[in-house]
Structures are given as structure tokens and as C-alpha cells.
N, C-alpha and C. Protein backbone atom coordinates (compact mmCIF):
# COMPACT_ATOMS: atom_id res chain seq x y z
N MET A 1 -7.53 21.67 21.06
CA MET A 1 -7.06 20.63 20.16
C MET A 1 -6.11 21.27 19.13
N LYS A 2 -4.90 20.81 19.11
CA LYS A 2 -3.88 21.35 18.22
C LYS A 2 -3.87 20.59 16.89
N PRO A 3 -4.08 21.27 15.77
CA PRO A 3 -4.05 20.55 14.48
C PRO A 3 -2.63 20.14 14.11
N ASP A 4 -2.54 18.95 13.60
CA ASP A 4 -1.25 18.43 13.17
C ASP A 4 -1.08 18.78 11.68
N LEU A 5 -0.34 19.83 11.40
CA LEU A 5 -0.21 20.32 10.03
C LEU A 5 0.69 19.44 9.17
N LEU A 6 1.55 18.67 9.80
CA LEU A 6 2.46 17.83 9.03
C LEU A 6 1.75 16.61 8.45
N ARG A 7 0.69 16.14 9.10
CA ARG A 7 0.00 14.93 8.66
C ARG A 7 -0.60 15.05 7.26
N PRO A 8 -1.33 16.12 6.91
CA PRO A 8 -1.85 16.22 5.54
C PRO A 8 -0.75 16.33 4.49
N LEU A 9 0.34 16.99 4.84
CA LEU A 9 1.46 17.10 3.91
C LEU A 9 2.09 15.74 3.65
N LEU A 10 2.29 14.97 4.72
CA LEU A 10 2.86 13.63 4.55
C LEU A 10 1.90 12.71 3.80
N GLY A 11 0.60 12.86 4.02
CA GLY A 11 -0.38 12.06 3.29
C GLY A 11 -0.35 12.36 1.80
N THR A 12 -0.28 13.63 1.46
CA THR A 12 -0.22 14.03 0.05
C THR A 12 1.07 13.55 -0.59
N LEU A 13 2.17 13.69 0.12
CA LEU A 13 3.46 13.22 -0.39
C LEU A 13 3.44 11.70 -0.58
N GLY A 14 2.84 10.98 0.36
CA GLY A 14 2.73 9.53 0.24
C GLY A 14 1.90 9.11 -0.97
N LEU A 15 0.81 9.83 -1.22
CA LEU A 15 -0.01 9.53 -2.40
C LEU A 15 0.77 9.76 -3.69
N LEU A 16 1.49 10.85 -3.77
CA LEU A 16 2.28 11.14 -4.97
C LEU A 16 3.35 10.08 -5.20
N ILE A 17 4.02 9.69 -4.14
CA ILE A 17 5.05 8.64 -4.26
C ILE A 17 4.41 7.32 -4.67
N GLY A 18 3.27 6.98 -4.05
CA GLY A 18 2.58 5.73 -4.37
C GLY A 18 2.14 5.65 -5.82
N PHE A 19 1.52 6.73 -6.32
CA PHE A 19 1.08 6.73 -7.71
C PHE A 19 2.27 6.69 -8.66
N GLY A 20 3.35 7.36 -8.30
CA GLY A 20 4.56 7.33 -9.13
C GLY A 20 5.16 5.93 -9.20
N LEU A 21 5.25 5.26 -8.05
CA LEU A 21 5.80 3.90 -8.03
C LEU A 21 4.90 2.93 -8.78
N TYR A 22 3.59 3.11 -8.65
CA TYR A 22 2.65 2.24 -9.36
C TYR A 22 2.80 2.41 -10.87
N ALA A 23 2.97 3.65 -11.31
CA ALA A 23 3.16 3.91 -12.75
C ALA A 23 4.47 3.30 -13.24
N LEU A 24 5.53 3.42 -12.46
CA LEU A 24 6.81 2.82 -12.86
C LEU A 24 6.72 1.29 -12.89
N ALA A 25 6.02 0.71 -11.93
CA ALA A 25 5.88 -0.75 -11.91
C ALA A 25 5.05 -1.23 -13.09
N GLY A 26 4.15 -0.40 -13.58
CA GLY A 26 3.33 -0.77 -14.73
C GLY A 26 4.14 -0.91 -16.01
N ARG A 27 5.33 -0.37 -16.04
CA ARG A 27 6.19 -0.47 -17.22
C ARG A 27 7.02 -1.75 -17.25
N LEU A 28 7.05 -2.47 -16.13
CA LEU A 28 7.83 -3.70 -16.07
C LEU A 28 7.16 -4.81 -16.87
N ALA A 29 7.97 -5.76 -17.32
CA ALA A 29 7.44 -6.93 -18.02
C ALA A 29 6.89 -7.92 -16.99
N GLU A 30 5.92 -8.72 -17.41
CA GLU A 30 5.41 -9.78 -16.54
C GLU A 30 6.49 -10.84 -16.39
N PRO A 31 6.64 -11.49 -15.31
CA PRO A 31 5.87 -11.49 -14.07
C PRO A 31 6.32 -10.42 -13.08
N TRP A 32 7.32 -9.63 -13.43
CA TRP A 32 7.85 -8.63 -12.50
C TRP A 32 6.83 -7.55 -12.18
N GLN A 33 5.98 -7.22 -13.14
CA GLN A 33 4.97 -6.20 -12.92
C GLN A 33 4.02 -6.63 -11.80
N SER A 34 3.49 -7.83 -11.90
CA SER A 34 2.56 -8.33 -10.87
C SER A 34 3.26 -8.49 -9.53
N ALA A 35 4.50 -8.94 -9.55
CA ALA A 35 5.24 -9.11 -8.29
C ALA A 35 5.51 -7.76 -7.63
N ALA A 36 5.88 -6.76 -8.41
CA ALA A 36 6.17 -5.44 -7.84
C ALA A 36 4.91 -4.78 -7.30
N ILE A 37 3.83 -4.84 -8.06
CA ILE A 37 2.57 -4.24 -7.60
C ILE A 37 2.03 -5.00 -6.40
N GLY A 38 2.11 -6.32 -6.43
CA GLY A 38 1.69 -7.11 -5.27
C GLY A 38 2.51 -6.80 -4.04
N GLY A 39 3.81 -6.64 -4.22
CA GLY A 39 4.68 -6.28 -3.10
C GLY A 39 4.32 -4.92 -2.51
N MET A 40 3.95 -3.97 -3.37
CA MET A 40 3.54 -2.66 -2.87
C MET A 40 2.26 -2.76 -2.04
N PHE A 41 1.32 -3.59 -2.48
CA PHE A 41 0.09 -3.77 -1.71
C PHE A 41 0.37 -4.47 -0.38
N VAL A 42 1.30 -5.43 -0.38
CA VAL A 42 1.67 -6.10 0.87
C VAL A 42 2.29 -5.08 1.83
N LEU A 43 3.20 -4.25 1.35
CA LEU A 43 3.80 -3.22 2.21
C LEU A 43 2.76 -2.23 2.72
N LEU A 44 1.82 -1.86 1.87
CA LEU A 44 0.76 -0.96 2.29
C LEU A 44 -0.11 -1.60 3.36
N GLY A 45 -0.42 -2.88 3.20
CA GLY A 45 -1.21 -3.59 4.20
C GLY A 45 -0.50 -3.71 5.54
N VAL A 46 0.80 -4.02 5.49
CA VAL A 46 1.58 -4.12 6.72
C VAL A 46 1.67 -2.76 7.41
N SER A 47 1.91 -1.71 6.63
CA SER A 47 2.02 -0.39 7.24
C SER A 47 0.68 0.06 7.82
N ALA A 48 -0.45 -0.28 7.18
CA ALA A 48 -1.76 0.05 7.74
C ALA A 48 -1.99 -0.71 9.03
N TRP A 49 -1.58 -1.96 9.07
CA TRP A 49 -1.75 -2.78 10.28
C TRP A 49 -0.94 -2.18 11.44
N VAL A 50 0.30 -1.80 11.17
CA VAL A 50 1.16 -1.24 12.22
C VAL A 50 0.63 0.13 12.65
N TYR A 51 0.17 0.92 11.71
CA TYR A 51 -0.31 2.27 12.00
C TYR A 51 -1.62 2.24 12.80
N ALA A 52 -2.42 1.19 12.66
CA ALA A 52 -3.76 1.15 13.24
C ALA A 52 -3.74 1.25 14.76
N ARG A 53 -2.84 0.56 15.42
CA ARG A 53 -2.71 0.59 16.87
C ARG A 53 -4.05 0.38 17.58
N GLY A 54 -4.72 -0.70 17.28
CA GLY A 54 -5.95 -1.06 17.97
C GLY A 54 -7.23 -0.68 17.26
N GLU A 55 -7.19 0.08 16.20
CA GLU A 55 -8.40 0.39 15.45
C GLU A 55 -8.69 -0.79 14.51
N ARG A 56 -9.73 -1.52 14.86
CA ARG A 56 -10.02 -2.78 14.17
C ARG A 56 -10.32 -2.61 12.69
N TRP A 57 -11.03 -1.58 12.28
CA TRP A 57 -11.40 -1.46 10.87
C TRP A 57 -10.17 -1.15 10.02
N ILE A 58 -9.20 -0.40 10.56
CA ILE A 58 -7.98 -0.14 9.80
C ILE A 58 -7.14 -1.41 9.74
N GLN A 59 -7.12 -2.17 10.83
CA GLN A 59 -6.40 -3.44 10.80
C GLN A 59 -7.04 -4.40 9.81
N GLY A 60 -8.37 -4.39 9.74
CA GLY A 60 -9.06 -5.23 8.75
C GLY A 60 -8.73 -4.82 7.33
N LEU A 61 -8.70 -3.52 7.09
CA LEU A 61 -8.32 -3.01 5.77
C LEU A 61 -6.88 -3.39 5.44
N GLY A 62 -5.99 -3.28 6.41
CA GLY A 62 -4.60 -3.68 6.20
C GLY A 62 -4.47 -5.15 5.87
N LEU A 63 -5.27 -5.97 6.55
CA LEU A 63 -5.25 -7.41 6.27
C LEU A 63 -5.76 -7.70 4.86
N LEU A 64 -6.82 -7.02 4.44
CA LEU A 64 -7.33 -7.19 3.08
C LEU A 64 -6.30 -6.77 2.04
N LEU A 65 -5.62 -5.65 2.28
CA LEU A 65 -4.58 -5.21 1.35
C LEU A 65 -3.44 -6.20 1.28
N LEU A 66 -3.06 -6.75 2.43
CA LEU A 66 -1.98 -7.73 2.47
C LEU A 66 -2.36 -9.00 1.70
N ILE A 67 -3.58 -9.48 1.90
CA ILE A 67 -4.04 -10.68 1.18
C ILE A 67 -4.11 -10.42 -0.32
N TYR A 68 -4.66 -9.26 -0.71
CA TYR A 68 -4.73 -8.94 -2.13
C TYR A 68 -3.33 -8.83 -2.73
N GLY A 69 -2.40 -8.23 -1.99
CA GLY A 69 -1.03 -8.12 -2.49
C GLY A 69 -0.38 -9.47 -2.73
N LEU A 70 -0.59 -10.39 -1.78
CA LEU A 70 -0.04 -11.73 -1.96
C LEU A 70 -0.68 -12.44 -3.15
N LEU A 71 -2.01 -12.31 -3.26
CA LEU A 71 -2.68 -12.92 -4.42
C LEU A 71 -2.20 -12.30 -5.73
N ARG A 72 -2.04 -10.99 -5.74
CA ARG A 72 -1.59 -10.30 -6.97
C ARG A 72 -0.18 -10.73 -7.36
N ALA A 73 0.67 -10.88 -6.38
CA ALA A 73 2.06 -11.26 -6.66
C ALA A 73 2.20 -12.71 -7.08
N LEU A 74 1.37 -13.59 -6.50
CA LEU A 74 1.59 -15.02 -6.69
C LEU A 74 0.59 -15.69 -7.64
N VAL A 75 -0.66 -15.21 -7.69
CA VAL A 75 -1.69 -15.93 -8.42
C VAL A 75 -2.27 -15.10 -9.57
N LEU A 76 -2.73 -13.90 -9.26
CA LEU A 76 -3.42 -13.07 -10.26
C LEU A 76 -2.45 -12.50 -11.27
N ARG A 77 -2.82 -12.51 -12.51
CA ARG A 77 -2.00 -11.92 -13.56
C ARG A 77 -2.85 -11.06 -14.45
């Protein structure tokens, strides 16, 4: 079994980018703050769904993230 060394690096880089974007979105005025953060959750949910490739629990998590993102962008403030 060959370890994929690039995967942990990309995961760490993705976390750093995600936390940075979340912090920048937190500086926006409402309603743009909720829309930007909700949009990020929607994108995260869609990417989890696409990445899952048949793994039901990851697809379920992606669906939950997508629903929360839509609620955050449109309803929750």
C-alpha cells in the first residue's frame, strides 16, 4: 500500500484557506456576511458530495452542509 503524501498536505492547505476565508467573511456587513458564509458551506457540501463517489455517509454530510449553507444564506442571521 503506497501512502499518498500529497493528500495530508492538501488537507492542511484547504483548512488554512477555509479558516482564512471564514475570518475575512466575518468582517463583512450583514447581509453579505451571512450570504458569504452560507455560500462557503454550500460549496463545501457540493464538493463533499462530488468527492464521496458512493460513500453514503460522506454524501449525507455533504447534503447536511449544503442545506445548512442555504439556510445560513437565506434565513438564519
